[in-house]
Amino acid sequence: MDEKKLQVLFDRIEIIDVFNRYATGVDRRDPAIYRSCFTDELEVDLGGGGAAQMKADEWVERAFVLVASFQSTQHIITNQVININGDKATGVAYLQAQHFNPESMFAVGGYYENHLVRTPKGWRISNLKLNVTWTKNY
């Protein structure tokens, strides 16, 4: 196998690991794991009010305020489609997330359409975009 193909495989695995750390960091309430997914500044678009440019530490703080109102969460991210172009990449992946409280549950489905860049610390999300296709309150 040639070196370029091998590098693409390594890059794909590392990018999929970023998606996995994203879900794990939120669900385990571990801001350090979650923060490791992002460049120092990023654009965030959760589909509600357009994209916002912010520091990653600010985004992590906001995200943890959002999930703090739930007893637990479970984010399942699958079907990653990764396109790599040098030190930039896009990663599209399905999402299904459950947000649980004893009296209620909120579920959301859709897909992430993230842009990533290679950094000295590995691949990081520079543009986080969630496309919501359905929601349900239980």
C-alpha atoms as a PDB file:
ATOM      1  CA  MET A   1       0.000   0.000   0.000  1.00  0.00           C
ATOM      2  CA  ASP A   2       1.413   3.390  -0.881  1.00  0.00           C
ATOM      3  CA  GLU A   3       2.081   6.056   1.727  1.00  0.00           C
ATOM      4  CA  LYS A   4      -0.636   8.472   0.496  1.00  0.00           C
ATOM      5  CA  LYS A   5      -3.376   5.854   0.826  1.00  0.00           C
ATOM      6  CA  LEU A   6      -2.140   4.915   4.276  1.00  0.00           C
ATOM      7  CA  GLN A   7      -2.186   8.588   5.367  1.00  0.00           C
ATOM      8  CA  VAL A   8      -5.783   8.948   4.130  1.00  0.00           C
ATOM      9  CA  LEU A   9      -6.782   5.933   6.245  1.00  0.00           C
ATOM     10  CA  PHE A  10      -5.075   7.402   9.322  1.00  0.00           C
ATOM     11  CA  ASP A  11      -6.753  10.758   8.719  1.00  0.00           C
ATOM     12  CA  ARG A  12     -10.196   9.164   8.311  1.00  0.00           C
ATOM     13  CA  ILE A  13      -9.799   7.225  11.560  1.00  0.00           C
ATOM     14  CA  GLU A  14      -8.686  10.343  13.417  1.00  0.00           C
ATOM     15  CA  ILE A  15     -11.641  12.368  12.070  1.00  0.00           C
ATOM     16  CA  ILE A  16     -14.086   9.630  13.094  1.00  0.00           C
ATOM     17  CA  ASP A  17     -12.431   9.721  16.537  1.00  0.00           C
ATOM     18  CA  VAL A  18     -13.232  13.457  16.698  1.00  0.00           C
ATOM     19  CA  PHE A  19     -16.934  12.672  16.148  1.00  0.00           C
ATOM     20  CA  ASN A  20     -16.733   9.968  18.843  1.00  0.00           C
ATOM     21  CA  ARG A  21     -15.020  12.304  21.352  1.00  0.00           C
ATOM     22  CA  TYR A  22     -17.698  14.905  20.618  1.00  0.00           C
ATOM     23  CA  ALA A  23     -20.485  12.505  21.681  1.00  0.00           C
ATOM     24  CA  THR A  24     -18.503  11.018  24.563  1.00  0.00           C
ATOM     25  CA  GLY A  25     -17.522  14.407  25.972  1.00  0.00           C
ATOM     26  CA  VAL A  26     -21.125  15.632  26.058  1.00  0.00           C
ATOM     27  CA  ASP A  27     -22.661  12.432  27.387  1.00  0.00           C
ATOM     28  CA  ARG A  28     -20.030  11.905  30.093  1.00  0.00           C
ATOM     29  CA  ARG A  29     -20.159  15.597  30.993  1.00  0.00           C
ATOM     30  CA  ASP A  30     -16.430  15.871  30.367  1.00  0.00           C
ATOM     31  CA  PRO A  31     -15.564  19.341  29.044  1.00  0.00           C
ATOM     32  CA  ALA A  32     -11.896  18.453  28.430  1.00  0.00           C
ATOM     33  CA  ILE A  33     -12.808  15.612  26.067  1.00  0.00           C
ATOM     34  CA  TYR A  34     -15.408  17.802  24.342  1.00  0.00           C
ATOM     35  CA  ARG A  35     -13.007  20.757  24.036  1.00  0.00           C
ATOM     36  CA  SER A  36     -10.416  18.515  22.357  1.00  0.00           C
ATOM     37  CA  CYS A  37     -12.702  18.359  19.300  1.00  0.00           C
ATOM     38  CA  PHE A  38     -12.393  22.018  18.311  1.00  0.00           C
ATOM     39  CA  THR A  39      -9.992  24.607  16.963  1.00  0.00           C
ATOM     40  CA  ASP A  40      -9.440  27.575  19.294  1.00  0.00           C
ATOM     41  CA  GLU A  41     -12.055  29.547  17.360  1.00  0.00           C
ATOM     42  CA  LEU A  42     -14.920  28.022  15.442  1.00  0.00           C
ATOM     43  CA  GLU A  43     -18.182  28.733  13.726  1.00  0.00           C
ATOM     44  CA  VAL A  44     -21.244  27.086  15.292  1.00  0.00           C
ATOM     45  CA  ASP A  45     -24.574  26.644  13.500  1.00  0.00           C
ATOM     46  CA  LEU A  46     -27.193  24.545  15.267  1.00  0.00           C
ATOM     47  CA  GLY A  47     -29.863  25.516  12.779  1.00  0.00           C
ATOM     48  CA  GLY A  48     -31.813  27.831  15.048  1.00  0.00           C
ATOM     49  CA  GLY A  49     -30.529  31.304  14.378  1.00  0.00           C
ATOM     50  CA  GLY A  50     -27.684  31.108  11.925  1.00  0.00           C
ATOM     51  CA  ALA A  51     -23.984  30.643  12.430  1.00  0.00           C
ATOM     52  CA  ALA A  52     -21.971  32.336  15.169  1.00  0.00           C
ATOM     53  CA  GLN A  53     -18.204  32.731  15.379  1.00  0.00           C
ATOM     54  CA  MET A  54     -16.833  32.141  18.889  1.00  0.00           C
ATOM     55  CA  LYS A  55     -13.947  30.866  20.944  1.00  0.00           C
ATOM     56  CA  ALA A  56     -14.041  27.145  21.578  1.00  0.00           C
ATOM     57  CA  ASP A  57     -14.004  27.608  25.354  1.00  0.00           C
ATOM     58  CA  GLU A  58     -17.130  29.773  25.062  1.00  0.00           C
ATOM     59  CA  TRP A  59     -18.848  27.133  22.925  1.00  0.00           C
ATOM     60  CA  VAL A  60     -17.985  24.357  25.383  1.00  0.00           C
ATOM     61  CA  GLU A  61     -19.407  26.416  28.240  1.00  0.00           C
ATOM     62  CA  ARG A  62     -22.625  27.095  26.290  1.00  0.00           C
ATOM     63  CA  ALA A  63     -23.000  23.446  25.278  1.00  0.00           C
ATOM     64  CA  PHE A  64     -22.641  22.265  28.869  1.00  0.00           C
ATOM     65  CA  VAL A  65     -25.229  24.778  30.068  1.00  0.00           C
ATOM     66  CA  LEU A  66     -27.622  23.319  27.478  1.00  0.00           C
ATOM     67  CA  VAL A  67     -27.132  19.705  28.553  1.00  0.00           C
ATOM     68  CA  ALA A  68     -27.069  20.501  32.279  1.00  0.00           C
ATOM     69  CA  SER A  69     -30.863  20.720  32.285  1.00  0.00           C
ATOM     70  CA  PHE A  70     -31.035  16.973  31.525  1.00  0.00           C
ATOM     71  CA  GLN A  71     -30.282  14.104  33.881  1.00  0.00           C
ATOM     72  CA  SER A  72     -28.506  12.302  31.067  1.00  0.00           C
ATOM     73  CA  THR A  73     -27.959  12.421  27.320  1.00  0.00           C
ATOM     74  CA  GLN A  74     -27.003   9.940  24.649  1.00  0.00           C
ATOM     75  CA  HIS A  75     -25.614  11.141  21.329  1.00  0.00           C
ATOM     76  CA  ILE A  76     -25.264   8.496  18.630  1.00  0.00           C
ATOM     77  CA  ILE A  77     -23.225   9.633  15.633  1.00  0.00           C
ATOM     78  CA  THR A  78     -22.962   7.240  12.678  1.00  0.00           C
ATOM     79  CA  ASN A  79     -22.496   6.854   8.929  1.00  0.00           C
ATOM     80  CA  GLN A  80     -19.523   9.202   8.705  1.00  0.00           C
ATOM     81  CA  VAL A  81     -18.687  10.349   5.193  1.00  0.00           C
ATOM     82  CA  ILE A  82     -15.243  11.945   5.238  1.00  0.00           C
ATOM     83  CA  ASN A  83     -13.715  13.988   2.400  1.00  0.00           C
ATOM     84  CA  ILE A  84     -10.100  15.037   2.877  1.00  0.00           C
ATOM     85  CA  ASN A  85      -8.361  17.712   0.836  1.00  0.00           C
ATOM     86  CA  GLY A  86      -4.847  18.255   2.165  1.00  0.00           C
ATOM     87  CA  ASP A  87      -5.079  19.780   5.650  1.00  0.00           C
ATOM     88  CA  LYS A  88      -8.836  20.406   5.394  1.00  0.00           C
ATOM     89  CA  ALA A  89     -11.730  17.980   5.521  1.00  0.00           C
ATOM     90  CA  THR A  90     -15.484  17.740   5.687  1.00  0.00           C
ATOM     91  CA  GLY A  91     -17.231  15.175   7.801  1.00  0.00           C
ATOM     92  CA  VAL A  92     -20.930  14.444   7.423  1.00  0.00           C
ATOM     93  CA  ALA A  93     -22.519  12.079   9.928  1.00  0.00           C
ATOM     94  CA  TYR A  94     -25.983  11.108  11.098  1.00  0.00           C
ATOM     95  CA  LEU A  95     -27.067  12.090  14.604  1.00  0.00           C
ATOM     96  CA  GLN A  96     -29.695  10.753  16.931  1.00  0.00           C
ATOM     97  CA  ALA A  97     -29.645  12.279  20.406  1.00  0.00           C
ATOM     98  CA  GLN A  98     -31.763  11.494  23.448  1.00  0.00           C
ATOM     99  CA  HIS A  99     -32.043  14.051  26.260  1.00  0.00           C
ATOM    100  CA  PHE A 100     -33.505  12.397  29.368  1.00  0.00           C
ATOM    101  CA  ASN A 101     -35.216  13.560  32.537  1.00  0.00           C
ATOM    102  CA  PRO A 102     -37.371  11.212  34.648  1.00  0.00           C
ATOM    103  CA  GLU A 103     -40.589  12.999  33.637  1.00  0.00           C
ATOM    104  CA  SER A 104     -39.737  13.771  30.024  1.00  0.00           C
ATOM    105  CA  MET A 105     -37.430  13.083  27.136  1.00  0.00           C
ATOM    106  CA  PHE A 106     -36.455  15.137  24.111  1.00  0.00           C
ATOM    107  CA  ALA A 107     -35.076  13.411  21.028  1.00  0.00           C
ATOM    108  CA  VAL A 108     -33.515  14.946  17.952  1.00  0.00           C
ATOM    109  CA  GLY A 109     -32.388  13.464  14.670  1.00  0.00           C
ATOM    110  CA  GLY A 110     -30.439  14.905  11.815  1.00  0.00           C
ATOM    111  CA  TYR A 111     -26.891  15.144  10.595  1.00  0.00           C
ATOM    112  CA  TYR A 112     -23.704  17.038  11.255  1.00  0.00           C
ATOM    113  CA  GLU A 113     -21.953  18.754   8.379  1.00  0.00           C
ATOM    114  CA  ASN A 114     -18.626  19.708   9.945  1.00  0.00           C
ATOM    115  CA  HIS A 115     -15.473  21.254   8.528  1.00  0.00           C
ATOM    116  CA  LEU A 116     -12.216  20.148  10.101  1.00  0.00           C
ATOM    117  CA  VAL A 117      -8.595  21.243   9.860  1.00  0.00           C
ATOM    118  CA  ARG A 118      -5.369  19.439  10.623  1.00  0.00           C
ATOM    119  CA  THR A 119      -3.587  21.068  13.575  1.00  0.00           C
ATOM    120  CA  PRO A 120      -0.387  20.152  15.449  1.00  0.00           C
ATOM    121  CA  LYS A 121      -2.687  18.360  17.935  1.00  0.00           C
ATOM    122  CA  GLY A 122      -4.566  16.448  15.227  1.00  0.00           C
ATOM    123  CA  TRP A 123      -7.816  17.045  13.355  1.00  0.00           C
ATOM    124  CA  ARG A 124     -10.186  19.589  14.920  1.00  0.00           C
ATOM    125  CA  ILE A 125     -13.635  20.943  14.029  1.00  0.00           C
ATOM    126  CA  SER A 126     -13.458  24.533  12.786  1.00  0.00           C
ATOM    127  CA  ASN A 127     -17.090  24.727  11.648  1.00  0.00           C
ATOM    128  CA  LEU A 128     -19.800  22.811  13.516  1.00  0.00           C
ATOM    129  CA  LYS A 129     -23.120  22.582  11.706  1.00  0.00           C
ATOM    130  CA  LEU A 130     -26.142  20.573  12.837  1.00  0.00           C
ATOM    131  CA  ASN A 131     -28.978  20.021  10.380  1.00  0.00           C
ATOM    132  CA  VAL A 132     -32.049  18.946  12.363  1.00  0.00           C
ATOM    133  CA  THR A 133     -34.473  16.780  10.394  1.00  0.00           C
ATOM    134  CA  TRP A 134     -36.852  15.816  13.233  1.00  0.00           C
ATOM    135  CA  THR A 135     -37.553  16.276  16.932  1.00  0.00           C
ATOM    136  CA  LYS A 136     -39.849  14.557  19.406  1.00  0.00           C
ATOM    137  CA  ASN A 137     -40.888  15.306  22.991  1.00  0.00           C
ATOM    138  CA  TYR A 138     -41.937  12.331  25.106  1.00  0.00           C
END
